Amino acid sequence: MYATFWQRVKAFLWDYVVMLIYILAISFLFWVIQIADTWLFADRISAQLTIFFSLTLPIIINFAFAESSVKQANFGKQRIGLKVSDANGKRISFARAFARVFLKFLPWEISHTIIWQISFYPETNPTFINLGFGFVYLLIGLNIFSLLKTKTKQTLYDLITKTYIVKIES
């Protein structure tokens, strides 16, 4: 049985709590050692790379390890009783899980890029900003649309990586 939209939302909300704790811990660490004003955040590129390597990439790797593990699920999916699988219900490889999670968080990373652009270059053409955020909303909308409309309840990134979110059989 495929996971429903609301089951997936609940699982992601649990995951978001975990991510928020991690984000707060990293933010506190940056504040404590006072590197926010150093070369790590000196310009748009270094700021983007700092956040990608300290926040986004560790989160992606954590999700990929969890979803390719024996449990086939990260914290949120485990709490709700879901798992990630291939078409036969089997575990997926780390590489496949990494690709799935990377595509899942792509809108998040694009948003970060746009926000850093605005922060460092407020004079940026608003059309560029609007197109960027429009693309983010399009990706999110396509993910939700495909989740609601496919018989297998797959998002766009699930369709691309040929993965499924299924209920764990009791």
N, C-alpha and C. Protein backbone atom coordinates (compact mmCIF):
# COMPACT_ATOMS: atom_id res chain seq x y z
N MET A 1 0.85 -1.17 0.00
CA MET A 1 0.00 0.00 0.00
C MET A 1 0.89 1.24 0.00
N TYR A 2 0.60 2.16 -0.88
CA TYR A 2 1.39 3.38 -1.01
C TYR A 2 0.99 4.40 0.05
N ALA A 3 1.96 5.17 0.51
CA ALA A 3 1.71 6.20 1.51
C ALA A 3 0.86 7.31 0.91
N THR A 4 -0.04 7.84 1.71
CA THR A 4 -0.90 8.92 1.26
C THR A 4 -0.17 10.26 1.38
N PHE A 5 -0.77 11.26 0.79
CA PHE A 5 -0.23 12.61 0.87
C PHE A 5 -0.03 13.02 2.32
N TRP A 6 -1.07 12.83 3.16
CA TRP A 6 -1.01 13.29 4.54
C TRP A 6 -0.03 12.48 5.38
N GLN A 7 0.12 11.20 5.08
CA GLN A 7 1.13 10.41 5.80
C GLN A 7 2.52 10.94 5.48
N ARG A 8 2.75 11.29 4.24
CA ARG A 8 4.05 11.83 3.85
C ARG A 8 4.28 13.20 4.48
N VAL A 9 3.23 14.02 4.56
CA VAL A 9 3.36 15.34 5.20
C VAL A 9 3.72 15.15 6.67
N LYS A 10 3.03 14.25 7.36
CA LYS A 10 3.32 14.00 8.78
C LYS A 10 4.76 13.53 8.96
N ALA A 11 5.21 12.63 8.11
CA ALA A 11 6.58 12.13 8.20
C ALA A 11 7.57 13.27 7.99
N PHE A 12 7.30 14.13 7.02
CA PHE A 12 8.21 15.25 6.77
C PHE A 12 8.21 16.23 7.93
N LEU A 13 7.07 16.43 8.56
CA LEU A 13 7.03 17.33 9.72
C LEU A 13 7.91 16.80 10.85
N TRP A 14 7.89 15.49 11.09
CA TRP A 14 8.80 14.90 12.07
C TRP A 14 10.25 15.14 11.66
N ASP A 15 10.53 14.93 10.38
CA ASP A 15 11.89 15.15 9.89
C ASP A 15 12.29 16.61 10.02
N TYR A 16 11.34 17.50 9.81
CA TYR A 16 11.63 18.93 9.90
C TYR A 16 12.02 19.32 11.32
N VAL A 17 11.38 18.70 12.31
CA VAL A 17 11.75 18.96 13.71
C VAL A 17 13.22 18.58 13.93
N VAL A 18 13.61 17.43 13.42
CA VAL A 18 15.00 16.98 13.55
C VAL A 18 15.93 17.94 12.81
N MET A 19 15.56 18.33 11.58
CA MET A 19 16.37 19.27 10.81
C MET A 19 16.47 20.61 11.53
N LEU A 20 15.38 21.06 12.11
CA LEU A 20 15.38 22.34 12.81
C LEU A 20 16.34 22.32 14.00
N ILE A 21 16.35 21.22 14.73
CA ILE A 21 17.29 21.09 15.85
C ILE A 21 18.72 21.16 15.34
N TYR A 22 19.01 20.48 14.24
CA TYR A 22 20.35 20.52 13.66
C TYR A 22 20.70 21.94 13.18
N ILE A 23 19.76 22.58 12.50
CA ILE A 23 19.99 23.95 12.01
C ILE A 23 20.26 24.91 13.17
N LEU A 24 19.48 24.78 14.24
CA LEU A 24 19.69 25.63 15.41
C LEU A 24 21.05 25.36 16.06
N ALA A 25 21.45 24.10 16.11
CA ALA A 25 22.75 23.76 16.69
C ALA A 25 23.88 24.35 15.87
N ILE A 26 23.81 24.23 14.55
CA ILE A 26 24.86 24.79 13.68
C ILE A 26 24.86 26.32 13.78
N SER A 27 23.68 26.91 13.79
CA SER A 27 23.59 28.38 13.90
C SER A 27 24.19 28.85 15.22
N PHE A 28 23.88 28.13 16.29
CA PHE A 28 24.45 28.47 17.60
C PHE A 28 25.97 28.33 17.57
N LEU A 29 26.45 27.27 16.96
CA LEU A 29 27.90 27.07 16.85
C LEU A 29 28.54 28.22 16.09
N PHE A 30 27.96 28.62 14.96
CA PHE A 30 28.49 29.76 14.20
C PHE A 30 28.49 31.02 15.05
N TRP A 31 27.42 31.22 15.84
CA TRP A 31 27.32 32.40 16.67
C TRP A 31 28.38 32.37 17.78
N VAL A 32 28.53 31.20 18.42
CA VAL A 32 29.48 31.07 19.53
C VAL A 32 30.91 31.35 19.08
N ILE A 33 31.29 30.77 17.96
CA ILE A 33 32.67 30.99 17.51
C ILE A 33 32.78 32.22 16.62
N GLN A 34 31.68 32.91 16.48
CA GLN A 34 31.63 34.21 15.79
C GLN A 34 32.28 34.19 14.41
N ILE A 35 31.86 33.23 13.61
CA ILE A 35 32.41 33.19 12.25
C ILE A 35 31.45 33.76 11.22
N ALA A 36 30.31 34.24 11.68
CA ALA A 36 29.32 34.76 10.74
C ALA A 36 29.86 35.93 9.92
N ASP A 37 30.78 36.66 10.48
CA ASP A 37 31.31 37.82 9.76
C ASP A 37 32.68 37.56 9.13
N THR A 38 33.13 36.35 9.16
CA THR A 38 34.45 36.03 8.63
C THR A 38 34.34 35.64 7.16
N TRP A 39 35.41 35.09 6.64
CA TRP A 39 35.48 34.73 5.22
C TRP A 39 34.44 33.69 4.82
N LEU A 40 33.88 32.93 5.77
CA LEU A 40 32.87 31.93 5.42
C LEU A 40 31.59 32.58 4.88
N PHE A 41 31.34 33.81 5.26
CA PHE A 41 30.15 34.53 4.81
C PHE A 41 30.53 35.87 4.19
N ALA A 42 31.72 35.95 3.63
CA ALA A 42 32.22 37.22 3.09
C ALA A 42 31.51 37.65 1.81
N ASP A 43 31.06 36.69 1.01
CA ASP A 43 30.36 37.01 -0.23
C ASP A 43 29.32 35.93 -0.52
N ARG A 44 28.57 36.12 -1.58
CA ARG A 44 27.47 35.20 -1.92
C ARG A 44 27.96 33.78 -2.11
N ILE A 45 29.05 33.60 -2.82
CA ILE A 45 29.54 32.25 -3.12
C ILE A 45 30.02 31.55 -1.85
N SER A 46 30.84 32.22 -1.05
CA SER A 46 31.33 31.57 0.18
C SER A 46 30.18 31.31 1.15
N ALA A 47 29.22 32.21 1.23
CA ALA A 47 28.06 31.99 2.10
C ALA A 47 27.26 30.78 1.63
N GLN A 48 27.02 30.71 0.33
CA GLN A 48 26.27 29.58 -0.24
C GLN A 48 27.00 28.27 0.03
N LEU A 49 28.30 28.24 -0.21
CA LEU A 49 29.08 27.02 0.01
C LEU A 49 29.13 26.64 1.49
N THR A 50 29.27 27.63 2.35
CA THR A 50 29.29 27.36 3.80
C THR A 50 28.00 26.69 4.24
N ILE A 51 26.88 27.25 3.85
CA ILE A 51 25.59 26.68 4.24
C ILE A 51 25.36 25.33 3.57
N PHE A 52 25.76 25.19 2.31
CA PHE A 52 25.57 23.91 1.63
C PHE A 52 26.35 22.81 2.35
N PHE A 53 27.63 23.06 2.65
CA PHE A 53 28.47 22.02 3.25
C PHE A 53 28.22 21.82 4.74
N SER A 54 27.68 22.82 5.44
CA SER A 54 27.44 22.64 6.87
C SER A 54 25.99 22.25 7.18
N LEU A 55 25.06 22.57 6.30
CA LEU A 55 23.65 22.26 6.55
C LEU A 55 23.05 21.31 5.52
N THR A 56 22.98 21.75 4.29
CA THR A 56 22.25 20.99 3.28
C THR A 56 22.85 19.62 3.02
N LEU A 57 24.14 19.57 2.74
CA LEU A 57 24.77 18.28 2.42
C LEU A 57 24.69 17.29 3.57
N PRO A 58 24.99 17.67 4.82
CA PRO A 58 24.82 16.70 5.91
C PRO A 58 23.39 16.17 6.04
N ILE A 59 22.41 17.04 5.82
CA ILE A 59 21.01 16.60 5.88
C ILE A 59 20.71 15.62 4.76
N ILE A 60 21.17 15.93 3.55
CA ILE A 60 20.96 15.03 2.41
C ILE A 60 21.62 13.68 2.68
N ILE A 61 22.86 13.70 3.15
CA ILE A 61 23.57 12.44 3.43
C ILE A 61 22.86 11.64 4.52
N ASN A 62 22.40 12.33 5.57
CA ASN A 62 21.67 11.65 6.64
C ASN A 62 20.42 10.96 6.09
N PHE A 63 19.64 11.68 5.30
CA PHE A 63 18.43 11.09 4.70
C PHE A 63 18.80 9.91 3.80
N ALA A 64 19.82 10.08 2.98
CA ALA A 64 20.21 9.02 2.04
C ALA A 64 20.66 7.76 2.78
N PHE A 65 21.46 7.92 3.83
CA PHE A 65 21.88 6.76 4.63
C PHE A 65 20.66 6.08 5.25
N ALA A 66 19.76 6.86 5.83
CA ALA A 66 18.59 6.29 6.48
C ALA A 66 17.68 5.57 5.49
N GLU A 67 17.46 6.19 4.33
CA GLU A 67 16.53 5.61 3.36
C GLU A 67 17.12 4.43 2.60
N SER A 68 18.44 4.27 2.63
CA SER A 68 19.07 3.11 2.00
C SER A 68 19.49 2.07 3.04
N SER A 69 19.15 2.32 4.30
CA SER A 69 19.50 1.40 5.38
C SER A 69 18.53 0.21 5.42
N VAL A 70 18.77 -0.69 6.34
CA VAL A 70 17.89 -1.85 6.53
C VAL A 70 16.46 -1.40 6.85
N LYS A 71 16.32 -0.30 7.60
CA LYS A 71 14.98 0.21 7.95
C LYS A 71 14.30 0.90 6.78
N GLN A 72 15.08 1.33 5.79
CA GLN A 72 14.56 1.99 4.58
C GLN A 72 13.80 3.28 4.89
N ALA A 73 14.13 3.92 6.00
CA ALA A 73 13.37 5.10 6.39
C ALA A 73 14.19 5.99 7.31
N ASN A 74 13.94 7.27 7.20
CA ASN A 74 14.51 8.22 8.13
C ASN A 74 13.56 8.32 9.33
N PHE A 75 13.89 9.20 10.27
CA PHE A 75 13.14 9.32 11.52
C PHE A 75 11.64 9.51 11.28
N GLY A 76 11.28 10.47 10.45
CA GLY A 76 9.87 10.77 10.21
C GLY A 76 9.10 9.61 9.62
N LYS A 77 9.67 8.97 8.62
CA LYS A 77 8.99 7.83 8.00
C LYS A 77 8.85 6.68 9.01
N GLN A 78 9.88 6.47 9.82
CA GLN A 78 9.80 5.42 10.85
C GLN A 78 8.66 5.71 11.82
N ARG A 79 8.54 6.96 12.25
CA ARG A 79 7.49 7.35 13.21
C ARG A 79 6.09 7.11 12.64
N ILE A 80 5.94 7.29 11.33
CA ILE A 80 4.62 7.17 10.70
C ILE A 80 4.39 5.75 10.16
N GLY A 81 5.44 4.94 10.10
CA GLY A 81 5.30 3.58 9.60
C GLY A 81 5.43 3.47 8.09
N LEU A 82 6.35 4.25 7.54
CA LEU A 82 6.58 4.25 6.09
C LEU A 82 8.02 3.84 5.79
N LYS A 83 8.26 3.48 4.54
CA LYS A 83 9.62 3.20 4.10
C LYS A 83 9.77 3.53 2.63
N VAL A 84 11.02 3.71 2.20
CA VAL A 84 11.36 3.96 0.80
C VAL A 84 11.75 2.62 0.18
N SER A 85 11.24 2.36 -1.01
CA SER A 85 11.58 1.09 -1.65
C SER A 85 11.65 1.23 -3.17
N ASP A 86 12.12 0.16 -3.80
CA ASP A 86 12.05 0.09 -5.26
C ASP A 86 10.69 -0.50 -5.63
N ALA A 87 10.48 -0.82 -6.88
CA ALA A 87 9.18 -1.32 -7.34
C ALA A 87 8.82 -2.66 -6.70
N ASN A 88 9.82 -3.39 -6.22
CA ASN A 88 9.58 -4.69 -5.61
C ASN A 88 9.56 -4.64 -4.09
N GLY A 89 9.59 -3.46 -3.52
CA GLY A 89 9.57 -3.31 -2.07
C GLY A 89 10.94 -3.49 -1.42
N LYS A 90 11.96 -3.61 -2.23
CA LYS A 90 13.32 -3.84 -1.72
C LYS A 90 14.03 -2.53 -1.40
N ARG A 91 15.12 -2.66 -0.64
CA ARG A 91 15.97 -1.52 -0.31
C ARG A 91 16.55 -0.91 -1.56
N ILE A 92 16.76 0.40 -1.51
CA ILE A 92 17.43 1.07 -2.62
C ILE A 92 18.87 1.33 -2.21
N SER A 93 19.72 1.54 -3.19
CA SER A 93 21.14 1.80 -2.93
C SER A 93 21.33 3.19 -2.35
N PHE A 94 22.49 3.40 -1.75
CA PHE A 94 22.81 4.73 -1.23
C PHE A 94 22.80 5.75 -2.37
N ALA A 95 23.38 5.40 -3.52
CA ALA A 95 23.44 6.34 -4.65
C ALA A 95 22.04 6.74 -5.11
N ARG A 96 21.15 5.79 -5.16
CA ARG A 96 19.78 6.08 -5.57
C ARG A 96 19.08 6.94 -4.51
N ALA A 97 19.29 6.60 -3.25
CA ALA A 97 18.70 7.38 -2.16
C ALA A 97 19.26 8.81 -2.18
N PHE A 98 20.57 8.94 -2.43
CA PHE A 98 21.18 10.26 -2.48
C PHE A 98 20.55 11.08 -3.61
N ALA A 99 20.39 10.47 -4.79
CA ALA A 99 19.77 11.16 -5.92
C ALA A 99 18.35 11.58 -5.58
N ARG A 100 17.60 10.69 -4.94
CA ARG A 100 16.21 10.99 -4.56
C ARG A 100 16.16 12.18 -3.61
N VAL A 101 16.98 12.15 -2.57
CA VAL A 101 16.96 13.20 -1.57
C VAL A 101 17.50 14.51 -2.15
N PHE A 102 18.53 14.42 -2.99
CA PHE A 102 19.06 15.63 -3.63
C PHE A 102 17.97 16.32 -4.44
N LEU A 103 17.23 15.55 -5.23
CA LEU A 103 16.13 16.12 -6.03
C LEU A 103 15.01 16.65 -5.13
N LYS A 104 14.78 15.97 -4.01
CA LYS A 104 13.77 16.42 -3.05
C LYS A 104 14.12 17.79 -2.48
N PHE A 105 15.41 17.99 -2.17
CA PHE A 105 15.84 19.25 -1.56
C PHE A 105 16.32 20.29 -2.57
N LEU A 106 16.23 19.98 -3.85
CA LEU A 106 16.66 20.93 -4.87
C LEU A 106 15.91 22.27 -4.78
N PRO A 107 14.58 22.29 -4.62
CA PRO A 107 13.91 23.59 -4.47
C PRO A 107 14.42 24.38 -3.26
N TRP A 108 14.72 23.67 -2.17
CA TRP A 108 15.25 24.30 -0.97
C TRP A 108 16.59 24.97 -1.27
N GLU A 109 17.45 24.25 -1.99
CA GLU A 109 18.78 24.79 -2.29
C GLU A 109 18.69 25.95 -3.30
N ILE A 110 17.82 25.85 -4.26
CA ILE A 110 17.63 26.95 -5.21
C ILE A 110 17.15 28.20 -4.46
N SER A 111 16.23 28.00 -3.52
CA SER A 111 15.74 29.13 -2.71
C SER A 111 16.88 29.78 -1.94
N HIS A 112 17.76 28.95 -1.36
CA HIS A 112 18.92 29.50 -0.64
C HIS A 112 19.78 30.35 -1.57
N THR A 113 20.01 29.85 -2.76
CA THR A 113 20.82 30.58 -3.73
C THR A 113 20.22 31.94 -4.03
N ILE A 114 18.92 31.98 -4.23
CA ILE A 114 18.24 33.25 -4.53
C ILE A 114 18.31 34.18 -3.32
N ILE A 115 18.10 33.64 -2.14
CA ILE A 115 18.15 34.48 -0.93
C ILE A 115 19.54 35.06 -0.72
N TRP A 116 20.59 34.27 -0.95
CA TRP A 116 21.95 34.81 -0.84
C TRP A 116 22.18 35.90 -1.88
N GLN A 117 21.63 35.71 -3.08
CA GLN A 117 21.76 36.72 -4.13
C GLN A 117 21.12 38.03 -3.67
N ILE A 118 19.92 37.94 -3.10
CA ILE A 118 19.22 39.13 -2.62
C ILE A 118 20.01 39.78 -1.48
N SER A 119 20.53 38.95 -0.57
CA SER A 119 21.25 39.47 0.60
C SER A 119 22.50 40.25 0.21
N PHE A 120 23.25 39.72 -0.75
CA PHE A 120 24.51 40.35 -1.12
C PHE A 120 24.37 41.36 -2.25
N TYR A 121 23.35 41.20 -3.07
CA TYR A 121 23.15 42.10 -4.20
C TYR A 121 21.68 42.51 -4.28
N PRO A 122 21.24 43.37 -3.34
CA PRO A 122 19.82 43.76 -3.32
C PRO A 122 19.36 44.46 -4.60
N GLU A 123 20.29 44.95 -5.39
CA GLU A 123 19.93 45.62 -6.64
C GLU A 123 19.68 44.62 -7.78
N THR A 124 19.74 43.32 -7.49
CA THR A 124 19.49 42.30 -8.51
C THR A 124 18.14 42.53 -9.16
N ASN A 125 18.11 42.32 -10.46
CA ASN A 125 16.88 42.49 -11.23
C ASN A 125 15.75 41.65 -10.62
N PRO A 126 14.64 42.27 -10.25
CA PRO A 126 13.52 41.53 -9.65
C PRO A 126 12.98 40.42 -10.56
N THR A 127 13.12 40.60 -11.86
CA THR A 127 12.65 39.56 -12.78
C THR A 127 13.42 38.27 -12.56
N PHE A 128 14.74 38.36 -12.36
CA PHE A 128 15.56 37.19 -12.07
C PHE A 128 15.09 36.51 -10.78
N ILE A 129 14.84 37.30 -9.77
CA ILE A 129 14.39 36.77 -8.48
C ILE A 129 13.02 36.10 -8.64
N ASN A 130 12.10 36.77 -9.32
CA ASN A 130 10.77 36.22 -9.52
C ASN A 130 10.80 34.93 -10.33
N LEU A 131 11.62 34.89 -11.37
CA LEU A 131 11.74 33.67 -12.18
C LEU A 131 12.32 32.53 -11.34
N GLY A 132 13.31 32.85 -10.52
CA GLY A 132 13.91 31.83 -9.66
C GLY A 132 12.91 31.24 -8.69
N PHE A 133 12.20 32.12 -7.98
CA PHE A 133 11.19 31.62 -7.04
C PHE A 133 10.03 30.96 -7.78
N GLY A 134 9.70 31.45 -8.97
CA GLY A 134 8.67 30.80 -9.79
C GLY A 134 9.06 29.36 -10.12
N PHE A 135 10.34 29.16 -10.44
CA PHE A 135 10.83 27.81 -10.73
C PHE A 135 10.74 26.92 -9.49
N VAL A 136 11.08 27.48 -8.35
CA VAL A 136 10.98 26.73 -7.08
C VAL A 136 9.53 26.31 -6.86
N TYR A 137 8.60 27.24 -6.99
CA TYR A 137 7.18 26.91 -6.78
C TYR A 137 6.68 25.92 -7.82
N LEU A 138 7.19 26.01 -9.03
CA LEU A 138 6.82 25.04 -10.07
C LEU A 138 7.27 23.63 -9.67
N LEU A 139 8.51 23.50 -9.21
CA LEU A 139 9.02 22.19 -8.78
C LEU A 139 8.18 21.63 -7.62
N ILE A 140 7.91 22.48 -6.64
CA ILE A 140 7.11 22.04 -5.50
C ILE A 140 5.70 21.65 -5.96
N GLY A 141 5.12 22.47 -6.83
CA GLY A 141 3.79 22.17 -7.36
C GLY A 141 3.75 20.87 -8.15
N LEU A 142 4.77 20.63 -8.97
CA LEU A 142 4.84 19.38 -9.73
C LEU A 142 4.98 18.17 -8.81
N ASN A 143 5.75 18.33 -7.74
CA ASN A 143 5.88 17.24 -6.77
C ASN A 143 4.54 16.93 -6.11
N ILE A 144 3.85 17.96 -5.68
CA ILE A 144 2.54 17.76 -5.03
C ILE A 144 1.53 17.20 -6.03
N PHE A 145 1.50 17.77 -7.24
CA PHE A 145 0.57 17.31 -8.27
C PHE A 145 0.78 15.83 -8.58
N SER A 146 2.04 15.46 -8.81
CA SER A 146 2.30 14.05 -9.15
C SER A 146 1.97 13.13 -7.98
N LEU A 147 2.22 13.58 -6.76
CA LEU A 147 1.89 12.78 -5.58
C LEU A 147 0.38 12.55 -5.49
N LEU A 148 -0.39 13.58 -5.79
CA LEU A 148 -1.84 13.46 -5.70
C LEU A 148 -2.46 12.72 -6.89
N LYS A 149 -1.82 12.79 -8.05
CA LYS A 149 -2.44 12.26 -9.27
C LYS A 149 -1.94 10.89 -9.72
N THR A 150 -0.75 10.46 -9.27
CA THR A 150 -0.29 9.14 -9.71
C THR A 150 -0.92 8.06 -8.84
N LYS A 151 -1.21 6.93 -9.44
CA LYS A 151 -1.81 5.81 -8.70
C LYS A 151 -0.85 5.29 -7.64
N THR A 152 0.43 5.45 -7.89
CA THR A 152 1.46 4.96 -6.97
C THR A 152 1.88 6.01 -5.94
N LYS A 153 1.21 7.17 -5.95
CA LYS A 153 1.47 8.26 -4.99
C LYS A 153 2.94 8.69 -4.97
N GLN A 154 3.51 8.84 -6.17
CA GLN A 154 4.91 9.23 -6.29
C GLN A 154 5.04 10.71 -6.60
N THR A 155 6.04 11.33 -5.98
CA THR A 155 6.40 12.69 -6.33
C THR A 155 7.23 12.66 -7.61
N LEU A 156 7.53 13.82 -8.14
CA LEU A 156 8.37 13.91 -9.33
C LEU A 156 9.73 13.26 -9.08
N TYR A 157 10.34 13.53 -7.90
CA TYR A 157 11.65 12.95 -7.61
C TYR A 157 11.56 11.44 -7.40
N ASP A 158 10.42 10.93 -6.93
CA ASP A 158 10.23 9.48 -6.84
C ASP A 158 10.12 8.87 -8.24
N LEU A 159 9.40 9.55 -9.12
CA LEU A 159 9.26 9.05 -10.49
C LEU A 159 10.62 9.00 -11.19
N ILE A 160 11.42 10.05 -11.02
CA ILE A 160 12.74 10.12 -11.66
C ILE A 160 13.65 9.01 -11.14
N THR A 161 13.64 8.77 -9.83
CA THR A 161 14.54 7.77 -9.23
C THR A 161 13.90 6.39 -9.11
N LYS A 162 12.66 6.27 -9.58
CA LYS A 162 11.93 5.00 -9.53
C LYS A 162 11.87 4.44 -8.11
N THR A 163 11.45 5.31 -7.18
CA THR A 163 11.28 4.91 -5.80
C THR A 163 9.83 5.09 -5.38
N TYR A 164 9.48 4.41 -4.30
CA TYR A 164 8.11 4.42 -3.80
C TYR A 164 8.15 4.59 -2.29
N ILE A 165 7.15 5.28 -1.75
CA ILE A 165 6.98 5.37 -0.31
C ILE A 165 5.78 4.49 0.03
N VAL A 166 6.06 3.47 0.81
CA VAL A 166 5.02 2.48 1.11
C VAL A 166 4.85 2.34 2.62
N LYS A 167 3.67 1.87 2.99
CA LYS A 167 3.41 1.60 4.40
C LYS A 167 4.13 0.31 4.78
N ILE A 168 4.68 0.30 5.98
CA ILE A 168 5.34 -0.91 6.49
C ILE A 168 4.25 -1.90 6.87
N GLU A 169 4.40 -3.11 6.36
CA GLU A 169 3.42 -4.14 6.65
C GLU A 169 3.59 -4.65 8.08
N SER A 170 2.49 -4.73 8.79
CA SER A 170 2.55 -5.16 10.20
C SER A 170 2.57 -6.66 10.32
